Amino acid sequence: LAESSRLAAGAVLSGPAGGIAAATYAAEL
C-alpha cells in the first residue's frame, strides 16, 4: 500500500494486469 501510494502512476492499469498474470500462469499449466 505504501509503495502504491508513492508510485500511484504505476497502478494506472492495475485492473487489466491481473488477467495477463493469469494468462502467463495458464500458459504454464
PDB file of all heavy atoms in Angstrom:
ATOM      1  N   LEU A   1       0.825  -1.204   0.000  1.00  0.00           N
ATOM      2  CA  LEU A   1       0.000   0.000   0.000  1.00  0.00           C
ATOM      3  C   LEU A   1       0.862   1.257   0.000  1.00  0.00           C
ATOM      4  O   LEU A   1       0.563   2.222  -0.707  1.00  0.00           O
ATOM      5  CB  LEU A   1      -0.936   0.003   1.220  1.00  0.00           C
ATOM      6  CG  LEU A   1      -2.041  -1.054   1.252  1.00  0.00           C
ATOM      7  CD1 LEU A   1      -2.913  -0.859   2.491  1.00  0.00           C
ATOM      8  CD2 LEU A   1      -2.900  -0.989   0.007  1.00  0.00           C
ATOM      9  N   ALA A   2       1.941   1.242   0.791  1.00  0.00           N
ATOM     10  CA  ALA A   2       2.801   2.426   0.875  1.00  0.00           C
ATOM     11  C   ALA A   2       3.466   2.705  -0.470  1.00  0.00           C
ATOM     12  O   ALA A   2       3.505   3.850  -0.938  1.00  0.00           O
ATOM     13  CB  ALA A   2       3.861   2.227   1.966  1.00  0.00           C
ATOM     14  N   GLU A   3       3.986   1.662  -1.128  1.00  0.00           N
ATOM     15  CA  GLU A   3       4.632   1.846  -2.423  1.00  0.00           C
ATOM     16  C   GLU A   3       3.620   2.274  -3.479  1.00  0.00           C
ATOM     17  O   GLU A   3       3.919   3.096  -4.348  1.00  0.00           O
ATOM     18  CB  GLU A   3       5.327   0.545  -2.841  1.00  0.00           C
ATOM     19  CG  GLU A   3       5.960   0.563  -4.218  1.00  0.00           C
ATOM     20  CD  GLU A   3       7.143   1.515  -4.350  1.00  0.00           C
ATOM     21  OE1 GLU A   3       7.606   2.050  -3.316  1.00  0.00           O
ATOM     22  OE2 GLU A   3       7.611   1.722  -5.486  1.00  0.00           O
ATOM     23  N   SER A   4       2.408   1.747  -3.409  1.00  0.00           N
ATOM     24  CA  SER A   4       1.372   2.109  -4.379  1.00  0.00           C
ATOM     25  C   SER A   4       0.938   3.551  -4.213  1.00  0.00           C
ATOM     26  O   SER A   4       0.621   4.226  -5.192  1.00  0.00           O
ATOM     27  CB  SER A   4       0.166   1.173  -4.233  1.00  0.00           C
ATOM     28  OG  SER A   4       0.547  -0.168  -4.454  1.00  0.00           O
ATOM     29  N   SER A   5       0.909   4.032  -2.989  1.00  0.00           N
ATOM     30  CA  SER A   5       0.577   5.437  -2.755  1.00  0.00           C
ATOM     31  C   SER A   5       1.698   6.344  -3.257  1.00  0.00           C
ATOM     32  O   SER A   5       1.442   7.419  -3.797  1.00  0.00           O
ATOM     33  CB  SER A   5       0.334   5.674  -1.260  1.00  0.00           C
ATOM     34  OG  SER A   5      -0.768   4.922  -0.807  1.00  0.00           O
ATOM     35  N   ARG A   6       2.947   5.916  -3.089  1.00  0.00           N
ATOM     36  CA  ARG A   6       4.098   6.711  -3.551  1.00  0.00           C
ATOM     37  C   ARG A   6       4.178   6.738  -5.070  1.00  0.00           C
ATOM     38  O   ARG A   6       4.396   7.789  -5.669  1.00  0.00           O
ATOM     39  CB  ARG A   6       5.393   6.144  -2.972  1.00  0.00           C
ATOM     40  CG  ARG A   6       6.638   6.933  -3.361  1.00  0.00           C
ATOM     41  CD  ARG A   6       7.916   6.183  -3.039  1.00  0.00           C
ATOM     42  NE  ARG A   6       8.176   5.080  -3.965  1.00  0.00           N
ATOM     43  CZ  ARG A   6       8.742   5.232  -5.163  1.00  0.00           C
ATOM     44  NH1 ARG A   6       9.085   6.426  -5.607  1.00  0.00           N
ATOM     45  NH2 ARG A   6       8.947   4.180  -5.935  1.00  0.00           N
ATOM     46  N   LEU A   7       4.004   5.576  -5.697  1.00  0.00           N
ATOM     47  CA  LEU A   7       4.126   5.457  -7.147  1.00  0.00           C
ATOM     48  C   LEU A   7       2.753   5.127  -7.729  1.00  0.00           C
ATOM     49  O   LEU A   7       2.538   4.075  -8.327  1.00  0.00           O
ATOM     50  CB  LEU A   7       5.152   4.384  -7.521  1.00  0.00           C
ATOM     51  CG  LEU A   7       5.606   4.355  -8.979  1.00  0.00           C
ATOM     52  CD1 LEU A   7       6.286   5.661  -9.374  1.00  0.00           C
ATOM     53  CD2 LEU A   7       6.542   3.185  -9.229  1.00  0.00           C
ATOM     54  N   ALA A   8       1.824   6.058  -7.564  1.00  0.00           N
ATOM     55  CA  ALA A   8       0.435   5.821  -7.972  1.00  0.00           C
ATOM     56  C   ALA A   8       0.297   5.640  -9.475  1.00  0.00           C
ATOM     57  O   ALA A   8      -0.577   4.907  -9.945  1.00  0.00           O
ATOM     58  CB  ALA A   8      -0.444   6.978  -7.501  1.00  0.00           C
ATOM     59  N   ALA A   9       1.167   6.307 -10.261  1.00  0.00           N
ATOM     60  CA  ALA A   9       1.098   6.159 -11.715  1.00  0.00           C
ATOM     61  C   ALA A   9       1.356   4.721 -12.144  1.00  0.00           C
ATOM     62  O   ALA A   9       0.945   4.311 -13.233  1.00  0.00           O
ATOM     63  CB  ALA A   9       2.108   7.090 -12.393  1.00  0.00           C
ATOM     64  N   GLY A  10       2.009   3.951 -11.298  1.00  0.00           N
ATOM     65  CA  GLY A  10       2.263   2.551 -11.593  1.00  0.00           C
ATOM     66  C   GLY A  10       1.035   1.675 -11.499  1.00  0.00           C
ATOM     67  O   GLY A  10       1.061   0.513 -11.897  1.00  0.00           O
ATOM     68  N   ALA A  11      -0.056   2.228 -10.968  1.00  0.00           N
ATOM     69  CA  ALA A  11      -1.300   1.460 -10.827  1.00  0.00           C
ATOM     70  C   ALA A  11      -2.378   1.944 -11.789  1.00  0.00           C
ATOM     71  O   ALA A  11      -3.544   1.593 -11.636  1.00  0.00           O
ATOM     72  CB  ALA A  11      -1.811   1.551  -9.385  1.00  0.00           C
ATOM     73  N   VAL A  12      -1.986   2.738 -12.788  1.00  0.00           N
ATOM     74  CA  VAL A  12      -2.973   3.287 -13.718  1.00  0.00           C
ATOM     75  C   VAL A  12      -3.673   2.183 -14.513  1.00  0.00           C
ATOM     76  O   VAL A  12      -4.837   2.308 -14.869  1.00  0.00           O
ATOM     77  CB  VAL A  12      -2.298   4.313 -14.656  1.00  0.00           C
ATOM     78  CG1 VAL A  12      -3.141   4.593 -15.877  1.00  0.00           C
ATOM     79  CG2 VAL A  12      -2.047   5.612 -13.900  1.00  0.00           C
ATOM     80  N   LEU A  13      -2.965   1.077 -14.777  1.00  0.00           N
ATOM     81  CA  LEU A  13      -3.585  -0.062 -15.463  1.00  0.00           C
ATOM     82  C   LEU A  13      -3.553  -1.288 -14.556  1.00  0.00           C
ATOM     83  O   LEU A  13      -3.267  -2.401 -14.984  1.00  0.00           O
ATOM     84  CB  LEU A  13      -2.880  -0.334 -16.794  1.00  0.00           C
ATOM     85  CG  LEU A  13      -3.089   0.752 -17.859  1.00  0.00           C
ATOM     86  CD1 LEU A  13      -2.251   0.453 -19.098  1.00  0.00           C
ATOM     87  CD2 LEU A  13      -4.552   0.857 -18.256  1.00  0.00           C
ATOM     88  N   SER A  14      -3.885  -1.069 -13.306  1.00  0.00           N
ATOM     89  CA  SER A  14      -3.842  -2.128 -12.299  1.00  0.00           C
ATOM     90  C   SER A  14      -4.815  -3.260 -12.602  1.00  0.00           C
ATOM     91  O   SER A  14      -4.453  -4.438 -12.566  1.00  0.00           O
ATOM     92  CB  SER A  14      -4.159  -1.520 -10.923  1.00  0.00           C
ATOM     93  OG  SER A  14      -4.455  -2.505  -9.968  1.00  0.00           O
ATOM     94  N   GLY A  15      -6.062  -2.927 -12.914  1.00  0.00           N
ATOM     95  CA  GLY A  15      -7.091  -3.945 -13.094  1.00  0.00           C
ATOM     96  C   GLY A  15      -6.795  -4.958 -14.178  1.00  0.00           C
ATOM     97  O   GLY A  15      -6.752  -6.178 -13.924  1.00  0.00           O
ATOM     98  N   PRO A  16      -6.554  -4.517 -15.439  1.00  0.00           N
ATOM     99  CA  PRO A  16      -6.313  -5.477 -16.519  1.00  0.00           C
ATOM    100  C   PRO A  16      -5.066  -6.333 -16.332  1.00  0.00           C
ATOM    101  O   PRO A  16      -4.957  -7.403 -16.918  1.00  0.00           O
ATOM    102  CB  PRO A  16      -6.162  -4.576 -17.757  1.00  0.00           C
ATOM    103  CG  PRO A  16      -6.801  -3.283 -17.401  1.00  0.00           C
ATOM    104  CD  PRO A  16      -6.592  -3.126 -15.928  1.00  0.00           C
ATOM    105  N   ALA A  17      -4.120  -5.862 -15.513  1.00  0.00           N
ATOM    106  CA  ALA A  17      -2.857  -6.598 -15.363  1.00  0.00           C
ATOM    107  C   ALA A  17      -3.064  -7.971 -14.746  1.00  0.00           C
ATOM    108  O   ALA A  17      -2.309  -8.909 -15.029  1.00  0.00           O
ATOM    109  CB  ALA A  17      -1.881  -5.777 -14.515  1.00  0.00           C
ATOM    110  N   GLY A  18      -4.084  -8.129 -13.908  1.00  0.00           N
ATOM    111  CA  GLY A  18      -4.334  -9.425 -13.278  1.00  0.00           C
ATOM    112  C   GLY A  18      -4.641 -10.505 -14.289  1.00  0.00           C
ATOM    113  O   GLY A  18      -4.230 -11.666 -14.134  1.00  0.00           O
ATOM    114  N   GLY A  19      -5.378 -10.157 -15.320  1.00  0.00           N
ATOM    115  CA  GLY A  19      -5.712 -11.132 -16.346  1.00  0.00           C
ATOM    116  C   GLY A  19      -4.491 -11.619 -17.092  1.00  0.00           C
ATOM    117  O   GLY A  19      -4.392 -12.802 -17.466  1.00  0.00           O
ATOM    118  N   ILE A  20      -3.530 -10.722 -17.325  1.00  0.00           N
ATOM    119  CA  ILE A  20      -2.314 -11.114 -18.035  1.00  0.00           C
ATOM    120  C   ILE A  20      -1.464 -12.017 -17.144  1.00  0.00           C
ATOM    121  O   ILE A  20      -0.845 -12.977 -17.621  1.00  0.00           O
ATOM    122  CB  ILE A  20      -1.509  -9.885 -18.485  1.00  0.00           C
ATOM    123  CG1 ILE A  20      -2.440  -8.843 -19.133  1.00  0.00           C
ATOM    124  CG2 ILE A  20      -0.398 -10.285 -19.432  1.00  0.00           C
ATOM    125  CD1 ILE A  20      -3.301  -9.385 -20.246  1.00  0.00           C
ATOM    126  N   ALA A  21      -1.437 -11.714 -15.846  1.00  0.00           N
ATOM    127  CA  ALA A  21      -0.724 -12.584 -14.910  1.00  0.00           C
ATOM    128  C   ALA A  21      -1.344 -13.980 -14.913  1.00  0.00           C
ATOM    129  O   ALA A  21      -0.637 -14.996 -14.894  1.00  0.00           O
ATOM    130  CB  ALA A  21      -0.772 -11.983 -13.507  1.00  0.00           C
ATOM    131  N   ALA A  22      -2.668 -14.037 -14.971  1.00  0.00           N
ATOM    132  CA  ALA A  22      -3.355 -15.329 -15.020  1.00  0.00           C
ATOM    133  C   ALA A  22      -3.033 -16.064 -16.314  1.00  0.00           C
ATOM    134  O   ALA A  22      -2.833 -17.287 -16.318  1.00  0.00           O
ATOM    135  CB  ALA A  22      -4.864 -15.118 -14.898  1.00  0.00           C
ATOM    136  N   ALA A  23      -2.988 -15.334 -17.429  1.00  0.00           N
ATOM    137  CA  ALA A  23      -2.697 -15.967 -18.719  1.00  0.00           C
ATOM    138  C   ALA A  23      -1.285 -16.547 -18.735  1.00  0.00           C
ATOM    139  O   ALA A  23      -1.044 -17.619 -19.305  1.00  0.00           O
ATOM    140  CB  ALA A  23      -2.877 -14.953 -19.842  1.00  0.00           C
ATOM    141  N   THR A  24      -0.346 -15.838 -18.124  1.00  0.00           N
ATOM    142  CA  THR A  24       1.033 -16.338 -18.050  1.00  0.00           C
ATOM    143  C   THR A  24       1.083 -17.641 -17.253  1.00  0.00           C
ATOM    144  O   THR A  24       1.760 -18.607 -17.641  1.00  0.00           O
ATOM    145  CB  THR A  24       1.941 -15.276 -17.402  1.00  0.00           C
ATOM    146  OG1 THR A  24       1.838 -14.054 -18.146  1.00  0.00           O
ATOM    147  CG2 THR A  24       3.385 -15.726 -17.383  1.00  0.00           C
ATOM    148  N   TYR A  25       0.353 -17.680 -16.145  1.00  0.00           N
ATOM    149  CA  TYR A  25       0.286 -18.898 -15.331  1.00  0.00           C
ATOM    150  C   TYR A  25      -0.427 -20.014 -16.104  1.00  0.00           C
ATOM    151  O   TYR A  25      -0.016 -21.178 -16.078  1.00  0.00           O
ATOM    152  CB  TYR A  25      -0.430 -18.588 -14.026  1.00  0.00           C
ATOM    153  CG  TYR A  25      -0.538 -19.750 -13.066  1.00  0.00           C
ATOM    154  CD1 TYR A  25       0.589 -20.463 -12.677  1.00  0.00           C
ATOM    155  CD2 TYR A  25      -1.764 -20.129 -12.537  1.00  0.00           C
ATOM    156  CE1 TYR A  25       0.496 -21.529 -11.782  1.00  0.00           C
ATOM    157  CE2 TYR A  25      -1.873 -21.187 -11.645  1.00  0.00           C
ATOM    158  CZ  TYR A  25      -0.739 -21.882 -11.274  1.00  0.00           C
ATOM    159  OH  TYR A  25      -0.835 -22.934 -10.399  1.00  0.00           O
ATOM    160  N   ALA A  26      -1.502 -19.642 -16.839  1.00  0.00           N
ATOM    161  CA  ALA A  26      -2.246 -20.624 -17.632  1.00  0.00           C
ATOM    162  C   ALA A  26      -1.378 -21.217 -18.732  1.00  0.00           C
ATOM    163  O   ALA A  26      -1.479 -22.411 -19.045  1.00  0.00           O
ATOM    164  CB  ALA A  26      -3.489 -19.975 -18.236  1.00  0.00           C
ATOM    165  N   ALA A  27      -0.515 -20.394 -19.337  1.00  0.00           N
ATOM    166  CA  ALA A  27       0.377 -20.894 -20.387  1.00  0.00           C
ATOM    167  C   ALA A  27       1.245 -22.027 -19.855  1.00  0.00           C
ATOM    168  O   ALA A  27       1.496 -23.019 -20.544  1.00  0.00           O
ATOM    169  CB  ALA A  27       1.245 -19.750 -20.914  1.00  0.00           C
ATOM    170  N   GLU A  28       1.672 -21.897 -18.601  1.00  0.00           N
ATOM    171  CA  GLU A  28       2.483 -22.942 -17.970  1.00  0.00           C
ATOM    172  C   GLU A  28       1.643 -24.190 -17.709  1.00  0.00           C
ATOM    173  O   GLU A  28       2.070 -25.316 -17.989  1.00  0.00           O
ATOM    174  CB  GLU A  28       3.060 -22.400 -16.659  1.00  0.00           C
ATOM    175  CG  GLU A  28       3.913 -23.381 -15.888  1.00  0.00           C
ATOM    176  CD  GLU A  28       4.396 -22.815 -14.558  1.00  0.00           C
ATOM    177  OE1 GLU A  28       4.400 -21.574 -14.408  1.00  0.00           O
ATOM    178  OE2 GLU A  28       4.738 -23.611 -13.672  1.00  0.00           O
ATOM    179  N   LEU A  29       0.424 -23.991 -17.186  1.00  0.00           N
ATOM    180  CA  LEU A  29      -0.439 -25.128 -16.880  1.00  0.00           C
ATOM    181  C   LEU A  29      -0.829 -25.905 -18.133  1.00  0.00           C
ATOM    182  O   LEU A  29      -0.918 -27.132 -18.124  1.00  0.00           O
ATOM    183  CB  LEU A  29      -1.720 -24.652 -16.179  1.00  0.00           C
ATOM    184  CG  LEU A  29      -1.648 -24.254 -14.703  1.00  0.00           C
ATOM    185  CD1 LEU A  29      -3.020 -23.806 -14.229  1.00  0.00           C
ATOM    186  CD2 LEU A  29      -1.149 -25.406 -13.856  1.00  0.00           C
TER     187      LEU A  29
END
